[in-house]
Protein backbone atom coordinates (compact mmCIF):
# COMPACT_ATOMS: atom_id res chain seq x y z
CA UNK A 1 12.72 -5.10 15.03
CA UNK A 2 15.40 -7.48 12.41
CA UNK A 3 12.47 -9.74 10.93
CA UNK A 4 10.08 -9.48 8.45
CA UNK A 5 6.65 -10.01 9.38
CA UNK A 6 3.48 -10.96 6.94
CA UNK A 7 0.28 -9.33 6.71
CA UNK A 8 -2.73 -11.68 6.15
CA UNK A 9 -5.22 -9.35 5.32
CA UNK A 10 -4.92 -6.19 3.02
CA UNK A 11 -7.94 -5.07 0.91
CA UNK A 12 -5.24 -2.81 -1.50
CA UNK A 13 -8.14 -3.39 -4.48
CA UNK A 14 -10.01 -1.28 -2.36
CA UNK A 15 -10.59 2.28 -3.67
CA UNK A 16 -9.03 4.10 -1.70
CA UNK A 17 -5.58 2.77 -2.51
CA UNK A 18 -6.40 3.46 -6.08
CA UNK A 19 -3.56 6.36 -6.11
CA UNK A 20 -0.88 5.29 -4.56
CA UNK A 21 -1.17 1.27 -4.89
CA UNK A 22 2.70 0.77 -5.62
CA UNK A 23 3.73 3.39 -2.73
CA UNK A 24 1.81 1.09 -0.38
CA UNK A 25 3.25 -1.59 -1.13
CA UNK A 26 7.04 0.04 -0.70
CA UNK A 27 6.07 1.71 2.47
CA UNK A 28 5.25 -2.16 3.84
CA UNK A 29 8.52 -3.40 2.60
CA UNK A 30 10.52 -0.12 3.63
CA UNK A 31 8.82 -1.21 7.54
CA UNK A 32 9.91 -4.82 6.91
CA UNK A 33 6.19 -6.13 6.30
CA UNK A 34 6.46 -8.30 3.54
CA UNK A 35 5.01 -10.35 1.62
CA UNK A 36 1.65 -8.94 2.18
CA UNK A 37 -1.83 -11.14 1.20
CA UNK A 38 -4.23 -9.07 -0.56
CA UNK A 39 -7.91 -10.08 0.31
CA UNK A 40 -10.49 -11.08 -2.73
CA UNK A 41 -14.20 -10.12 -1.26
CA UNK A 42 -16.13 -10.85 -4.32
CA UNK A 43 -14.91 -12.30 -7.66
CA UNK A 44 -14.03 -8.96 -9.04
CA UNK A 45 -11.90 -7.97 -6.21
CA UNK A 46 -10.45 -11.54 -6.49
CA UNK A 47 -9.67 -11.41 -10.16
CA UNK A 48 -7.94 -7.76 -9.52
CA UNK A 49 -6.46 -8.93 -6.52
CA UNK A 50 -4.48 -11.64 -8.38
CA UNK A 51 -3.59 -9.90 -11.35
CA UNK A 52 -2.32 -7.01 -9.24
CA UNK A 53 -0.32 -9.74 -6.99
CA UNK A 54 0.91 -11.68 -10.13
CA UNK A 55 2.80 -8.84 -11.06
CA UNK A 56 4.93 -9.18 -7.39
CA UNK A 57 6.16 -12.85 -7.21
CA UNK A 58 7.67 -13.61 -4.46
CA UNK A 59 6.13 -10.29 -2.55
CA UNK A 60 2.06 -10.30 -3.34
CA UNK A 61 -0.15 -13.11 -2.65
CA UNK A 62 -3.88 -13.02 -2.76
CA UNK A 63 -6.92 -15.15 -1.76
CA UNK A 64 -9.93 -16.07 -3.85
CA UNK A 65 -13.55 -15.55 -2.44
CA UNK A 66 -16.79 -14.28 -1.98
CA UNK A 67 -17.16 -12.21 1.23
CA UNK A 68 -20.93 -12.79 2.73
CA UNK A 69 -21.61 -9.21 2.19
CA UNK A 70 -21.59 -9.83 -1.89
CA UNK A 71 -22.92 -13.19 -1.45
CA UNK A 72 -26.30 -11.98 -2.87
CA UNK A 73 -24.57 -10.92 -6.15
CA UNK A 74 -23.07 -15.16 -6.28
CA UNK A 75 -24.15 -16.79 -9.86
CA UNK A 76 -23.70 -20.35 -11.06
CA UNK A 77 -20.53 -19.86 -12.67
CA UNK A 78 -19.15 -17.79 -9.78
CA UNK A 79 -17.81 -21.10 -8.31
CA UNK A 80 -16.02 -21.96 -11.54
CA UNK A 81 -14.64 -18.81 -12.11
CA UNK A 82 -13.13 -18.71 -8.54
CA UNK A 83 -11.63 -22.24 -9.10
CA UNK A 84 -10.14 -20.62 -12.11
CA UNK A 85 -8.24 -18.07 -9.96
CA UNK A 86 -7.18 -20.43 -7.38
CA UNK A 87 -5.18 -22.20 -9.77
CA UNK A 88 -2.94 -19.54 -10.07
CA UNK A 89 0.52 -19.61 -8.39
CA UNK A 90 -0.10 -16.00 -6.09
CA UNK A 91 -3.88 -17.19 -4.81
CA UNK A 92 -2.59 -19.20 -1.66
CA UNK A 93 -6.23 -19.67 -0.07
CA UNK A 94 -10.29 -19.42 -0.84
CA UNK A 95 -11.70 -16.57 0.98
CA UNK A 96 -12.94 -14.15 2.63
CA UNK A 97 -15.96 -15.86 2.95
CA UNK A 98 -18.23 -16.98 6.00
CA UNK A 99 -21.47 -15.44 7.47
CA UNK A 100 -22.10 -11.79 8.61
CA UNK A 101 -25.38 -11.74 10.81
CA UNK A 102 -24.95 -8.23 12.15
CA UNK A 103 -25.54 -6.24 8.87
CA UNK A 104 -27.22 -8.85 6.21
CA UNK A 105 -25.88 -7.19 3.36
CA UNK A 106 -26.88 -11.01 2.32
CA UNK A 107 -30.43 -12.49 2.97
CA UNK A 108 -28.65 -15.29 5.25
CA UNK A 109 -30.01 -18.19 3.42
CA UNK A 110 -28.11 -16.73 0.48
CA UNK A 111 -24.76 -15.75 2.84
CA UNK A 112 -25.28 -19.53 3.87
CA UNK A 113 -25.35 -21.65 -0.01
CA UNK A 114 -22.43 -19.79 -1.24
CA UNK A 115 -20.50 -20.03 2.59
CA UNK A 116 -21.10 -23.50 1.91
CA UNK A 117 -20.42 -23.63 -2.12
CA UNK A 118 -16.79 -22.07 -0.98
CA UNK A 119 -16.13 -24.40 1.68
CA UNK A 120 -16.72 -27.17 -0.96
CA UNK A 121 -14.30 -25.55 -3.15
CA UNK A 122 -11.62 -25.39 -0.49
CA UNK A 123 -11.66 -29.32 0.15
CA UNK A 124 -11.83 -30.15 -3.28
CA UNK A 125 -8.59 -27.83 -3.75
CA UNK A 126 -6.88 -28.82 -0.64
CA UNK A 127 -6.59 -25.16 -0.11
CA UNK A 128 -6.54 -23.34 3.67
CA UNK A 129 -10.02 -21.23 4.12
CA UNK A 130 -9.80 -17.16 4.53
CA UNK A 131 -13.07 -16.90 7.19
CA UNK A 132 -15.19 -14.05 8.24
CA UNK A 133 -17.79 -14.15 10.79
CA UNK A 134 -19.84 -12.17 12.83
CA UNK A 135 -22.29 -12.59 15.08
CA UNK A 136 -23.36 -15.59 13.26
CA UNK A 137 -21.02 -18.13 15.11
CA UNK A 138 -23.32 -21.06 15.43
CA UNK A 139 -24.21 -21.50 12.22
CA UNK A 140 -20.38 -20.59 10.95
CA UNK A 141 -19.04 -23.18 13.65
CA UNK A 142 -21.98 -25.68 12.58
CA UNK A 143 -20.99 -25.60 8.75
CA UNK A 144 -17.38 -26.09 9.00
CA UNK A 145 -17.53 -28.87 11.31
CA UNK A 146 -20.29 -30.64 9.35
CA UNK A 147 -17.80 -30.54 6.68
CA UNK A 148 -14.93 -31.45 8.49
CA UNK A 149 -12.65 -28.25 7.68
CA UNK A 150 -9.20 -28.96 8.85
CA UNK A 151 -7.50 -25.97 7.38
CA UNK A 152 -8.62 -22.47 8.27
CA UNK A 153 -8.01 -19.03 9.60
CA UNK A 154 -10.18 -16.91 11.23
CA UNK A 155 -9.80 -13.29 9.75
CA UNK A 156 -10.17 -10.31 12.20
CA UNK A 157 -11.16 -11.99 15.22
CA UNK A 158 -13.29 -10.10 17.78
CA UNK A 159 -15.29 -12.76 19.61
CA UNK A 160 -15.85 -14.10 22.58
CA UNK A 161 -13.91 -16.32 24.78
CA UNK A 162 -15.71 -19.79 23.99
CA UNK A 163 -15.93 -18.91 20.22
CA UNK A 164 -11.99 -18.77 20.31
CA UNK A 165 -11.92 -22.12 22.04
CA UNK A 166 -13.99 -23.36 19.75
CA UNK A 167 -11.87 -22.28 16.66
CA UNK A 168 -8.99 -23.56 18.71
CA UNK A 169 -10.19 -27.11 19.62
CA UNK A 170 -11.46 -26.93 15.61
CA UNK A 171 -7.67 -26.27 15.19
CA UNK A 172 -8.18 -23.07 13.35
CA UNK A 173 -5.63 -19.99 13.39
CA UNK A 174 -6.70 -17.04 14.32
CA UNK A 175 -6.10 -13.39 12.63
CA UNK A 176 -5.47 -10.44 14.78
CA UNK A 177 -5.72 -6.67 14.08
CA UNK A 178 -5.76 -3.15 14.89
CA UNK A 179 -8.38 -3.91 16.88
CA UNK A 180 -6.32 -5.10 19.85
CA UNK A 181 -5.24 -1.64 20.03
CA UNK A 182 -8.29 -0.14 20.99
CA UNK A 183 -8.12 0.48 24.85
CA UNK A 184 -12.04 0.16 24.63
CA UNK A 185 -13.42 -2.14 22.02
CA UNK A 186 -10.45 -4.51 21.94
CA UNK A 187 -9.93 -4.96 26.00
CA UNK A 188 -11.33 -8.83 25.76
CA UNK A 189 -9.04 -9.28 23.18
CA UNK A 190 -6.00 -7.95 25.05
CA UNK A 191 -6.95 -10.73 27.29
CA UNK A 192 -7.86 -13.75 24.97
CA UNK A 193 -4.73 -13.28 22.92
CA UNK A 194 -2.72 -15.12 25.86
CA UNK A 195 -4.14 -18.31 25.06
CA UNK A 196 -3.68 -18.45 21.20
CA UNK A 197 -0.51 -20.39 20.69
CA UNK A 198 2.08 -18.74 18.98
CA UNK A 199 1.85 -21.79 16.18
CA UNK A 200 -1.39 -20.78 15.34
CA UNK A 201 -1.52 -16.96 15.82
CA UNK A 202 -1.08 -14.53 12.53
CA UNK A 203 -1.63 -10.67 12.22
CA UNK A 204 -3.18 -8.45 9.78
CA UNK A 205 -4.15 -5.07 9.03
CA UNK A 206 -7.16 -5.61 7.42
CA UNK A 207 -6.00 -2.34 5.75
CA UNK A 208 -7.93 0.26 4.57
CA UNK A 209 -9.94 -0.23 7.91
CA UNK A 210 -9.36 -0.80 11.42
CA UNK A 211 -7.05 1.93 12.09
CA UNK A 212 -4.84 1.23 15.02
CA UNK A 213 -6.40 4.27 17.73
CA UNK A 214 -3.67 4.45 20.06
CA UNK A 215 -1.14 5.34 17.21
CA UNK A 216 1.21 8.14 18.20
CA UNK A 217 0.71 9.77 14.90
CA UNK A 218 -2.60 8.87 13.06
CA UNK A 219 -2.49 9.42 9.31
CA UNK A 220 -3.69 12.64 8.04
CA UNK A 221 -6.38 10.62 5.70
CA UNK A 222 -7.08 8.01 8.64
CA UNK A 223 -6.43 5.14 6.23
CA UNK A 224 -4.78 1.66 8.03
CA UNK A 225 -1.77 0.51 5.70
CA UNK A 226 -0.02 -2.49 5.80
CA UNK A 227 3.52 -0.19 7.46
CA UNK A 228 1.66 0.13 10.27
CA UNK A 229 1.57 -4.05 10.75
CA UNK A 230 4.71 -3.44 13.38
CA UNK A 231 2.49 -1.58 16.24
CA UNK A 232 -0.03 -3.94 15.83
CA UNK A 233 3.18 -6.40 16.62
CA UNK A 234 4.18 -4.19 19.04
CA UNK A 235 0.71 -4.49 21.20
CA UNK A 236 0.08 -8.29 20.46
CA UNK A 237 3.87 -8.91 22.04
CA UNK A 238 3.25 -6.79 25.18
CA UNK A 239 -0.22 -8.35 25.70
CA UNK A 240 1.30 -12.03 25.97
CA UNK A 241 4.49 -11.05 27.28
CA UNK A 242 6.67 -11.87 24.78
CA UNK A 243 9.50 -9.83 22.84
CA UNK A 244 8.36 -8.29 19.80
CA UNK A 245 11.22 -10.11 17.58
CA UNK A 246 10.15 -13.76 19.05
CA UNK A 247 6.52 -12.79 17.92
CA UNK A 248 7.64 -11.60 14.51
CA UNK A 249 9.67 -14.79 13.84
CA UNK A 250 7.15 -17.02 15.61
CA UNK A 251 3.83 -15.58 13.23
CA UNK A 252 6.14 -15.30 10.03
CA UNK A 253 6.65 -19.08 10.40
CA UNK A 254 3.20 -19.69 11.00
CA UNK A 255 1.63 -17.74 8.17
CA UNK A 256 4.45 -19.45 5.88
CA UNK A 257 3.35 -22.99 7.17
CA UNK A 258 -0.12 -22.40 6.77
CA UNK A 259 -0.29 -20.39 3.37
CA UNK A 260 2.57 -22.58 2.11
CA UNK A 261 4.44 -18.87 0.88
């Protein structure tokens, strides 16, 4: 593969990367995965991601937001602090935010309140949303339509055909992870990815999670990392019947345009 590719979803501030963060970034670059976008999942995590990304101008970017799992920890001042983070040049989206009714780590009404606050913040700042949804598509789509959100990427999409069609009709972009590399759980995704236009498609690892199940050589610690994104690219390209270089070039341009990087 001659083209560089962008990983739009890296949880680089996760504790599993504590000992070798710089080396993870270096390995990604060695595998033509650059830049990386670091995912903010809580206020503290977003602050740490922005601070770290600031050390790698043009090579790392980050998002600022509160994941629905962490919504229960939001306070009145949270949105103001996210607004301050969003003003930094390396912060390119509001999120990861949304709704998760699968695990309900935060009460659903609390999730909805803080999701709405972050939608309002993104609209106020004219920034894209980096979205999370799990088993909550009805409320999720309803809230996004109510606020007429136009610029959003549905991160780590694993949903149904009807959900995908709804997101595409709303003009949203779709993030595909190593879930597509799992012949058991990802079978439906291998079929659905074919209907995603290349100018709406992005790729991501969601590292350290979702390590591709079909890797020839699995990491000893089982940890996913951005250097493995080319494997996901190859699987996506195979599923949609296009050369990997073409998909790499298209998804990279789509990502740069969407995040303005």
